[in-house]
Amino acid sequence: MPDMLTGASFLTVVDLVPLVSIDLIVINPADQILLGRRRNRPAQGCWFVPGGRIHKLEKIAQAMIRISQSEIGISVSPDSARLLGVYDHIYDDNYQGVAGVSTHYVVLAYEYNLSNGDQVTPDDQHERFVWWDKEELLVSPDVHGNTKAYFSN
C-alpha cells in the first residue's frame, strides 16, 4: 500500500474529491446500537457509529477488517455483515478545521450483529462508547443526522 497522504496534501484531496468510507452499524443481542462520541472532526462532539475511510489500493474487505479491528476491537468482514446501502455524508467542516474546506464521504454502511461472546473495546477516536436504543438515538439532538439516517427507514 502506498504511503498515506498527510497534512496539506491530504487537505487538498479532502477539498477536491469525495472520500470513500465504511460505517459499522453494530447491534448487540439486546437490539441496541453502538455509538461513540467523536473526538475528531468532522462531526466532533457528536454521537456517531464507528467507521473510517478506505485507503488507496485497499480492498473493501481489507478496509472493513482494519477499520473494525481499530475502532471496536473486533474483526468484521463483509461476509459477516450486511450492506445496508450507500450514503452521502457532507460536512461544512474538515479534519483540520480549516475554514472553507468541506468534506464529502461516500459511505458504505454495514450492519453487524454482535454475538454474545463479542466484546467491544473503545479506540482513541471516541471519548466513550454507549449502547443506544433505536428510538432514543432518533430523538437525541446529540446523535449526528448522518447516523440517524441509517435508522429512519
N, C-alpha and C. Protein backbone atom coordinates (compact mmCIF):
# COMPACT_ATOMS: atom_id res chain seq x y z
N MET A 1 0.85 -1.17 0.00
CA MET A 1 0.00 0.00 0.00
C MET A 1 0.90 1.24 0.00
N PRO A 2 0.55 2.28 -0.78
CA PRO A 2 1.38 3.48 -0.80
C PRO A 2 1.32 4.23 0.52
N ASP A 3 2.29 5.12 0.71
CA ASP A 3 2.28 5.94 1.92
C ASP A 3 1.00 6.75 1.98
N MET A 4 0.54 6.97 3.19
CA MET A 4 -0.69 7.74 3.41
C MET A 4 -0.42 9.23 3.21
N LEU A 5 -1.36 9.91 2.61
CA LEU A 5 -1.26 11.35 2.49
C LEU A 5 -1.45 11.99 3.86
N THR A 6 -0.74 13.05 4.11
CA THR A 6 -0.90 13.77 5.37
C THR A 6 -0.86 15.26 5.10
N GLY A 7 -1.19 16.03 6.12
CA GLY A 7 -1.05 17.48 6.08
C GLY A 7 -1.72 18.13 4.90
N ALA A 8 -0.99 19.04 4.25
CA ALA A 8 -1.54 19.86 3.17
C ALA A 8 -1.98 19.01 1.98
N SER A 9 -1.25 17.94 1.67
CA SER A 9 -1.62 17.08 0.54
C SER A 9 -2.99 16.44 0.77
N PHE A 10 -3.21 15.91 1.97
CA PHE A 10 -4.49 15.28 2.25
C PHE A 10 -5.61 16.31 2.31
N LEU A 11 -5.34 17.47 2.86
CA LEU A 11 -6.35 18.52 2.91
C LEU A 11 -6.78 18.92 1.50
N THR A 12 -5.86 18.96 0.55
CA THR A 12 -6.20 19.25 -0.84
C THR A 12 -7.12 18.18 -1.41
N VAL A 13 -6.83 16.93 -1.11
CA VAL A 13 -7.69 15.84 -1.56
C VAL A 13 -9.09 15.99 -0.96
N VAL A 14 -9.17 16.25 0.35
CA VAL A 14 -10.45 16.43 1.02
C VAL A 14 -11.23 17.57 0.38
N ASP A 15 -10.55 18.63 0.00
CA ASP A 15 -11.18 19.79 -0.61
C ASP A 15 -11.71 19.50 -2.01
N LEU A 16 -11.07 18.58 -2.74
CA LEU A 16 -11.37 18.41 -4.16
C LEU A 16 -12.18 17.17 -4.53
N VAL A 17 -12.11 16.11 -3.72
CA VAL A 17 -12.77 14.85 -4.12
C VAL A 17 -13.50 14.22 -2.94
N PRO A 18 -14.49 13.39 -3.23
CA PRO A 18 -15.13 12.64 -2.14
C PRO A 18 -14.21 11.52 -1.66
N LEU A 19 -14.32 11.20 -0.39
CA LEU A 19 -13.60 10.09 0.21
C LEU A 19 -14.57 8.91 0.32
N VAL A 20 -14.05 7.71 0.22
CA VAL A 20 -14.89 6.52 0.37
C VAL A 20 -14.62 5.93 1.75
N SER A 21 -15.69 5.61 2.47
CA SER A 21 -15.53 5.10 3.82
C SER A 21 -16.52 3.99 4.11
N ILE A 22 -16.30 3.35 5.25
CA ILE A 22 -17.19 2.30 5.74
C ILE A 22 -17.67 2.70 7.13
N ASP A 23 -18.98 2.63 7.34
CA ASP A 23 -19.55 2.80 8.67
C ASP A 23 -20.07 1.46 9.15
N LEU A 24 -19.90 1.20 10.44
CA LEU A 24 -20.33 -0.05 11.05
C LEU A 24 -21.50 0.21 11.98
N ILE A 25 -22.64 -0.33 11.63
CA ILE A 25 -23.80 -0.26 12.50
C ILE A 25 -23.78 -1.54 13.32
N VAL A 26 -23.24 -1.43 14.52
CA VAL A 26 -23.02 -2.59 15.39
C VAL A 26 -24.23 -2.71 16.31
N ILE A 27 -24.84 -3.90 16.29
CA ILE A 27 -26.05 -4.14 17.08
C ILE A 27 -25.79 -5.28 18.05
N ASN A 28 -26.12 -5.06 19.33
CA ASN A 28 -25.90 -6.10 20.33
C ASN A 28 -27.12 -7.02 20.42
N PRO A 29 -27.02 -8.12 21.19
CA PRO A 29 -28.16 -9.05 21.30
C PRO A 29 -29.43 -8.42 21.87
N ALA A 30 -29.31 -7.27 22.56
CA ALA A 30 -30.50 -6.57 23.09
C ALA A 30 -31.08 -5.61 22.06
N ASP A 31 -30.59 -5.67 20.81
CA ASP A 31 -31.05 -4.84 19.70
C ASP A 31 -30.71 -3.36 19.90
N GLN A 32 -29.61 -3.07 20.61
CA GLN A 32 -29.14 -1.70 20.80
C GLN A 32 -27.98 -1.44 19.83
N ILE A 33 -27.80 -0.17 19.51
CA ILE A 33 -26.81 0.26 18.53
C ILE A 33 -25.64 0.93 19.25
N LEU A 34 -24.43 0.57 18.83
CA LEU A 34 -23.22 1.14 19.41
C LEU A 34 -22.91 2.49 18.78
N LEU A 35 -22.80 3.52 19.62
CA LEU A 35 -22.38 4.84 19.16
C LEU A 35 -21.21 5.32 20.01
N GLY A 36 -20.34 6.06 19.36
CA GLY A 36 -19.21 6.66 20.05
C GLY A 36 -19.29 8.17 19.95
N ARG A 37 -18.89 8.84 21.02
CA ARG A 37 -18.83 10.31 21.00
C ARG A 37 -17.49 10.69 20.38
N ARG A 38 -17.54 11.35 19.22
CA ARG A 38 -16.35 11.62 18.42
C ARG A 38 -15.46 12.70 19.02
N ARG A 39 -14.17 12.42 19.02
CA ARG A 39 -13.16 13.39 19.47
C ARG A 39 -12.67 14.27 18.32
N ASN A 40 -12.73 13.74 17.09
CA ASN A 40 -12.12 14.45 15.97
C ASN A 40 -13.16 14.94 14.96
N ARG A 41 -12.72 15.82 14.10
CA ARG A 41 -13.55 16.39 13.04
C ARG A 41 -13.58 15.45 11.85
N PRO A 42 -14.56 15.57 11.00
CA PRO A 42 -15.81 16.30 11.20
C PRO A 42 -16.73 15.55 12.17
N ALA A 43 -17.80 16.17 12.54
CA ALA A 43 -18.78 15.62 13.49
C ALA A 43 -18.20 15.49 14.90
N GLN A 44 -17.22 16.29 15.23
CA GLN A 44 -16.60 16.28 16.55
C GLN A 44 -17.66 16.59 17.62
N GLY A 45 -17.64 15.80 18.69
CA GLY A 45 -18.57 16.01 19.80
C GLY A 45 -19.92 15.34 19.63
N CYS A 46 -20.18 14.79 18.46
CA CYS A 46 -21.46 14.12 18.20
C CYS A 46 -21.34 12.62 18.45
N TRP A 47 -22.48 12.00 18.72
CA TRP A 47 -22.55 10.54 18.79
C TRP A 47 -22.69 10.02 17.37
N PHE A 48 -21.87 9.02 17.05
CA PHE A 48 -21.78 8.53 15.68
C PHE A 48 -21.44 7.04 15.71
N VAL A 49 -21.82 6.33 14.66
CA VAL A 49 -21.41 4.92 14.55
C VAL A 49 -19.91 4.86 14.25
N PRO A 50 -19.24 3.77 14.62
CA PRO A 50 -17.82 3.62 14.27
C PRO A 50 -17.65 3.52 12.75
N GLY A 51 -16.49 3.93 12.28
CA GLY A 51 -16.22 3.82 10.85
C GLY A 51 -14.92 4.49 10.49
N GLY A 52 -14.58 4.42 9.22
CA GLY A 52 -13.34 5.03 8.74
C GLY A 52 -13.24 4.94 7.24
N ARG A 53 -12.24 5.62 6.70
CA ARG A 53 -12.12 5.67 5.25
C ARG A 53 -11.28 4.53 4.71
N ILE A 54 -11.55 4.22 3.47
CA ILE A 54 -10.82 3.19 2.75
C ILE A 54 -9.56 3.83 2.17
N HIS A 55 -8.43 3.18 2.34
CA HIS A 55 -7.16 3.69 1.80
C HIS A 55 -7.00 3.28 0.33
N LYS A 56 -6.21 4.05 -0.39
CA LYS A 56 -5.93 3.72 -1.79
C LYS A 56 -5.32 2.32 -1.87
N LEU A 57 -5.77 1.55 -2.84
CA LEU A 57 -5.34 0.17 -3.13
C LEU A 57 -5.77 -0.84 -2.05
N GLU A 58 -6.59 -0.40 -1.12
CA GLU A 58 -7.10 -1.31 -0.09
C GLU A 58 -8.47 -1.81 -0.53
N LYS A 59 -8.63 -3.10 -0.60
CA LYS A 59 -9.92 -3.67 -0.97
C LYS A 59 -10.91 -3.46 0.17
N ILE A 60 -12.19 -3.46 -0.18
CA ILE A 60 -13.24 -3.20 0.80
C ILE A 60 -13.14 -4.17 1.98
N ALA A 61 -12.94 -5.46 1.71
CA ALA A 61 -12.85 -6.44 2.80
C ALA A 61 -11.67 -6.14 3.72
N GLN A 62 -10.53 -5.79 3.13
CA GLN A 62 -9.35 -5.46 3.95
C GLN A 62 -9.63 -4.23 4.81
N ALA A 63 -10.24 -3.21 4.19
CA ALA A 63 -10.55 -1.98 4.92
C ALA A 63 -11.51 -2.24 6.06
N MET A 64 -12.51 -3.05 5.81
CA MET A 64 -13.51 -3.32 6.83
C MET A 64 -12.89 -4.03 8.03
N ILE A 65 -12.01 -4.98 7.78
CA ILE A 65 -11.34 -5.67 8.87
C ILE A 65 -10.44 -4.71 9.63
N ARG A 66 -9.68 -3.88 8.92
CA ARG A 66 -8.78 -2.91 9.58
C ARG A 66 -9.57 -1.92 10.41
N ILE A 67 -10.62 -1.36 9.81
CA ILE A 67 -11.43 -0.34 10.50
C ILE A 67 -12.12 -0.93 11.73
N SER A 68 -12.73 -2.10 11.58
CA SER A 68 -13.44 -2.69 12.71
C SER A 68 -12.48 -3.08 13.83
N GLN A 69 -11.34 -3.63 13.46
CA GLN A 69 -10.35 -4.01 14.48
C GLN A 69 -9.85 -2.77 15.22
N SER A 70 -9.59 -1.71 14.48
CA SER A 70 -9.08 -0.48 15.06
C SER A 70 -10.13 0.24 15.91
N GLU A 71 -11.36 0.31 15.41
CA GLU A 71 -12.39 1.12 16.08
C GLU A 71 -13.11 0.39 17.21
N ILE A 72 -13.35 -0.93 17.04
CA ILE A 72 -14.13 -1.63 18.07
C ILE A 72 -13.44 -2.87 18.63
N GLY A 73 -12.27 -3.21 18.10
CA GLY A 73 -11.53 -4.35 18.62
C GLY A 73 -12.03 -5.71 18.16
N ILE A 74 -12.88 -5.73 17.13
CA ILE A 74 -13.42 -6.98 16.58
C ILE A 74 -13.20 -6.96 15.07
N SER A 75 -12.73 -8.06 14.52
CA SER A 75 -12.53 -8.14 13.07
C SER A 75 -13.86 -8.49 12.39
N VAL A 76 -14.38 -7.53 11.65
CA VAL A 76 -15.64 -7.71 10.93
C VAL A 76 -15.31 -7.71 9.44
N SER A 77 -15.82 -8.70 8.73
CA SER A 77 -15.63 -8.76 7.28
C SER A 77 -16.98 -8.57 6.59
N PRO A 78 -16.98 -8.24 5.31
CA PRO A 78 -18.25 -8.12 4.59
C PRO A 78 -19.08 -9.41 4.63
N ASP A 79 -18.41 -10.56 4.75
CA ASP A 79 -19.14 -11.83 4.82
C ASP A 79 -19.91 -11.99 6.12
N SER A 80 -19.49 -11.29 7.18
CA SER A 80 -20.16 -11.42 8.47
C SER A 80 -21.09 -10.24 8.77
N ALA A 81 -21.29 -9.38 7.77
CA ALA A 81 -22.13 -8.18 7.95
C ALA A 81 -23.08 -8.08 6.76
N ARG A 82 -24.01 -7.15 6.88
CA ARG A 82 -25.00 -6.94 5.81
C ARG A 82 -24.90 -5.50 5.32
N LEU A 83 -24.71 -5.34 4.01
CA LEU A 83 -24.66 -4.00 3.43
C LEU A 83 -26.04 -3.36 3.51
N LEU A 84 -26.13 -2.22 4.21
CA LEU A 84 -27.40 -1.51 4.31
C LEU A 84 -27.63 -0.59 3.12
N GLY A 85 -26.54 -0.05 2.58
CA GLY A 85 -26.66 0.85 1.46
C GLY A 85 -25.47 1.78 1.38
N VAL A 86 -25.55 2.70 0.41
CA VAL A 86 -24.51 3.69 0.18
C VAL A 86 -25.11 5.06 0.49
N TYR A 87 -24.37 5.85 1.26
CA TYR A 87 -24.87 7.13 1.74
C TYR A 87 -23.87 8.23 1.45
N ASP A 88 -24.36 9.46 1.28
CA ASP A 88 -23.51 10.64 1.20
C ASP A 88 -23.48 11.30 2.57
N HIS A 89 -22.28 11.58 3.06
CA HIS A 89 -22.10 12.37 4.28
C HIS A 89 -21.32 13.61 3.87
N ILE A 90 -21.98 14.75 3.96
CA ILE A 90 -21.35 16.01 3.55
C ILE A 90 -21.30 16.94 4.76
N TYR A 91 -20.10 17.46 5.01
CA TYR A 91 -19.85 18.33 6.17
C TYR A 91 -19.26 19.65 5.70
N ASP A 92 -19.63 20.74 6.36
CA ASP A 92 -19.01 22.03 6.09
C ASP A 92 -17.61 22.08 6.68
N ASP A 93 -17.29 21.13 7.55
CA ASP A 93 -16.05 21.07 8.30
C ASP A 93 -15.07 20.08 7.65
N ASN A 94 -13.85 20.02 8.17
CA ASN A 94 -12.85 19.06 7.71
C ASN A 94 -11.98 18.65 8.90
N TYR A 95 -11.17 17.64 8.70
CA TYR A 95 -10.40 17.06 9.81
C TYR A 95 -9.42 18.03 10.45
N GLN A 96 -9.00 19.08 9.71
CA GLN A 96 -8.07 20.06 10.29
C GLN A 96 -8.77 21.32 10.78
N GLY A 97 -10.05 21.45 10.50
CA GLY A 97 -10.78 22.65 10.91
C GLY A 97 -10.44 23.88 10.10
N VAL A 98 -9.93 23.70 8.89
CA VAL A 98 -9.56 24.82 8.02
C VAL A 98 -10.83 25.41 7.41
N ALA A 99 -11.02 26.70 7.56
CA ALA A 99 -12.20 27.38 7.04
C ALA A 99 -12.28 27.23 5.52
N GLY A 100 -13.52 27.04 5.03
CA GLY A 100 -13.75 26.99 3.60
C GLY A 100 -13.51 25.64 2.94
N VAL A 101 -13.12 24.64 3.71
CA VAL A 101 -12.88 23.30 3.15
C VAL A 101 -13.93 22.34 3.72
N SER A 102 -14.79 21.84 2.84
CA SER A 102 -15.81 20.89 3.26
C SER A 102 -15.29 19.47 3.09
N THR A 103 -16.05 18.51 3.62
CA THR A 103 -15.70 17.10 3.50
C THR A 103 -16.91 16.35 2.95
N HIS A 104 -16.65 15.48 1.97
CA HIS A 104 -17.70 14.65 1.39
C HIS A 104 -17.24 13.20 1.45
N TYR A 105 -18.01 12.38 2.16
CA TYR A 105 -17.76 10.94 2.21
C TYR A 105 -18.84 10.23 1.42
N VAL A 106 -18.47 9.23 0.65
CA VAL A 106 -19.39 8.25 0.10
C VAL A 106 -19.22 7.04 1.00
N VAL A 107 -20.28 6.71 1.74
CA VAL A 107 -20.18 5.74 2.83
C VAL A 107 -20.88 4.43 2.48
N LEU A 108 -20.16 3.34 2.66
CA LEU A 108 -20.74 2.00 2.58
C LEU A 108 -21.12 1.62 4.00
N ALA A 109 -22.41 1.52 4.26
CA ALA A 109 -22.89 1.25 5.62
C ALA A 109 -23.20 -0.23 5.76
N TYR A 110 -22.55 -0.85 6.75
CA TYR A 110 -22.72 -2.28 7.02
C TYR A 110 -23.28 -2.48 8.42
N GLU A 111 -24.26 -3.38 8.51
CA GLU A 111 -24.81 -3.78 9.81
C GLU A 111 -24.12 -5.05 10.27
N TYR A 112 -23.67 -5.03 11.53
CA TYR A 112 -23.01 -6.19 12.11
C TYR A 112 -23.69 -6.52 13.44
N ASN A 113 -24.16 -7.74 13.57
CA ASN A 113 -24.81 -8.19 14.81
C ASN A 113 -23.80 -8.92 15.68
N LEU A 114 -23.56 -8.36 16.86
CA LEU A 114 -22.64 -8.99 17.81
C LEU A 114 -23.22 -10.31 18.30
N SER A 115 -22.35 -11.27 18.51
CA SER A 115 -22.78 -12.48 19.20
C SER A 115 -22.52 -12.27 20.69
N ASN A 116 -23.08 -13.11 21.51
CA ASN A 116 -22.98 -12.93 22.96
C ASN A 116 -21.55 -12.89 23.48
N GLY A 117 -20.61 -13.53 22.78
CA GLY A 117 -19.24 -13.56 23.26
C GLY A 117 -18.38 -12.39 22.82
N ASP A 118 -18.86 -11.59 21.87
CA ASP A 118 -18.08 -10.45 21.37
C ASP A 118 -17.97 -9.35 22.41
N GLN A 119 -16.77 -8.82 22.57
CA GLN A 119 -16.52 -7.70 23.48
C GLN A 119 -15.98 -6.52 22.69
N VAL A 120 -16.68 -5.42 22.72
CA VAL A 120 -16.25 -4.20 22.03
C VAL A 120 -15.23 -3.48 22.91
N THR A 121 -14.13 -3.05 22.30
CA THR A 121 -13.14 -2.25 23.03
C THR A 121 -13.02 -0.89 22.35
N PRO A 122 -13.06 0.19 23.11
CA PRO A 122 -13.03 1.53 22.53
C PRO A 122 -11.66 1.88 21.96
N ASP A 123 -11.66 2.80 21.02
CA ASP A 123 -10.43 3.31 20.41
C ASP A 123 -10.17 4.73 20.92
N ASP A 124 -9.12 5.37 20.39
CA ASP A 124 -8.79 6.72 20.85
C ASP A 124 -9.52 7.82 20.08
N GLN A 125 -10.33 7.46 19.09
CA GLN A 125 -11.09 8.46 18.34
C GLN A 125 -12.41 8.83 19.00
N HIS A 126 -12.78 8.09 20.03
CA HIS A 126 -14.05 8.33 20.71
C HIS A 126 -13.81 8.53 22.20
N GLU A 127 -14.55 9.49 22.78
CA GLU A 127 -14.46 9.68 24.22
C GLU A 127 -14.92 8.43 24.95
N ARG A 128 -15.98 7.85 24.44
CA ARG A 128 -16.51 6.60 25.01
C ARG A 128 -17.55 6.04 24.04
N PHE A 129 -17.90 4.78 24.27
CA PHE A 129 -18.97 4.11 23.53
C PHE A 129 -20.15 3.91 24.46
N VAL A 130 -21.35 3.99 23.88
CA VAL A 130 -22.59 3.75 24.62
C VAL A 130 -23.53 2.98 23.70
N TRP A 131 -24.27 2.04 24.29
CA TRP A 131 -25.30 1.32 23.55
C TRP A 131 -26.60 2.11 23.62
N TRP A 132 -27.21 2.38 22.47
CA TRP A 132 -28.42 3.19 22.36
C TRP A 132 -29.57 2.36 21.82
N ASP A 133 -30.76 2.61 22.35
CA ASP A 133 -31.98 2.09 21.73
C ASP A 133 -32.25 2.94 20.49
N LYS A 134 -32.76 2.31 19.45
CA LYS A 134 -33.03 3.00 18.19
C LYS A 134 -33.93 4.23 18.40
N GLU A 135 -34.98 4.06 19.16
CA GLU A 135 -35.93 5.16 19.38
C GLU A 135 -35.25 6.34 20.08
N GLU A 136 -34.35 6.02 21.02
CA GLU A 136 -33.64 7.05 21.77
C GLU A 136 -32.67 7.83 20.87
N LEU A 137 -31.93 7.14 20.04
CA LEU A 137 -30.95 7.84 19.19
C LEU A 137 -31.64 8.70 18.14
N LEU A 138 -32.82 8.27 17.68
CA LEU A 138 -33.53 9.04 16.65
C LEU A 138 -34.02 10.40 17.16
N VAL A 139 -34.25 10.52 18.46
CA VAL A 139 -34.75 11.79 19.01
C VAL A 139 -33.68 12.61 19.71
N SER A 140 -32.50 12.05 19.90
CA SER A 140 -31.46 12.78 20.62
C SER A 140 -30.82 13.85 19.75
N PRO A 141 -30.72 15.09 20.25
CA PRO A 141 -30.05 16.15 19.49
C PRO A 141 -28.53 15.94 19.44
N ASP A 142 -28.00 15.04 20.25
CA ASP A 142 -26.55 14.80 20.29
C ASP A 142 -26.09 13.73 19.30
N VAL A 143 -27.03 13.00 18.70
CA VAL A 143 -26.70 11.99 17.70
C VAL A 143 -26.71 12.68 16.33
N HIS A 144 -25.62 12.52 15.60
CA HIS A 144 -25.49 13.19 14.30
C HIS A 144 -26.55 12.71 13.32
N GLY A 145 -27.04 13.61 12.49
CA GLY A 145 -28.06 13.29 11.50
C GLY A 145 -27.64 12.20 10.52
N ASN A 146 -26.36 12.12 10.19
CA ASN A 146 -25.90 11.07 9.29
C ASN A 146 -26.04 9.69 9.93
N THR A 147 -25.89 9.61 11.24
CA THR A 147 -26.14 8.33 11.93
C THR A 147 -27.63 8.05 11.98
N LYS A 148 -28.43 9.05 12.27
CA LYS A 148 -29.89 8.85 12.32
C LYS A 148 -30.43 8.34 10.99
N ALA A 149 -29.81 8.76 9.89
CA ALA A 149 -30.29 8.36 8.56
C ALA A 149 -30.28 6.84 8.37
N TYR A 150 -29.41 6.14 9.07
CA TYR A 150 -29.38 4.68 8.95
C TYR A 150 -30.61 4.02 9.53
N PHE A 151 -31.35 4.73 10.40
CA PHE A 151 -32.46 4.14 11.12
C PHE A 151 -33.80 4.82 10.81
N SER A 152 -33.81 5.71 9.84
CA SER A 152 -35.00 6.50 9.53
C SER A 152 -35.83 5.91 8.40
N ASN A 153 -35.70 4.62 8.15
CA ASN A 153 -36.42 4.00 7.02
C ASN A 153 -37.88 3.91 7.30
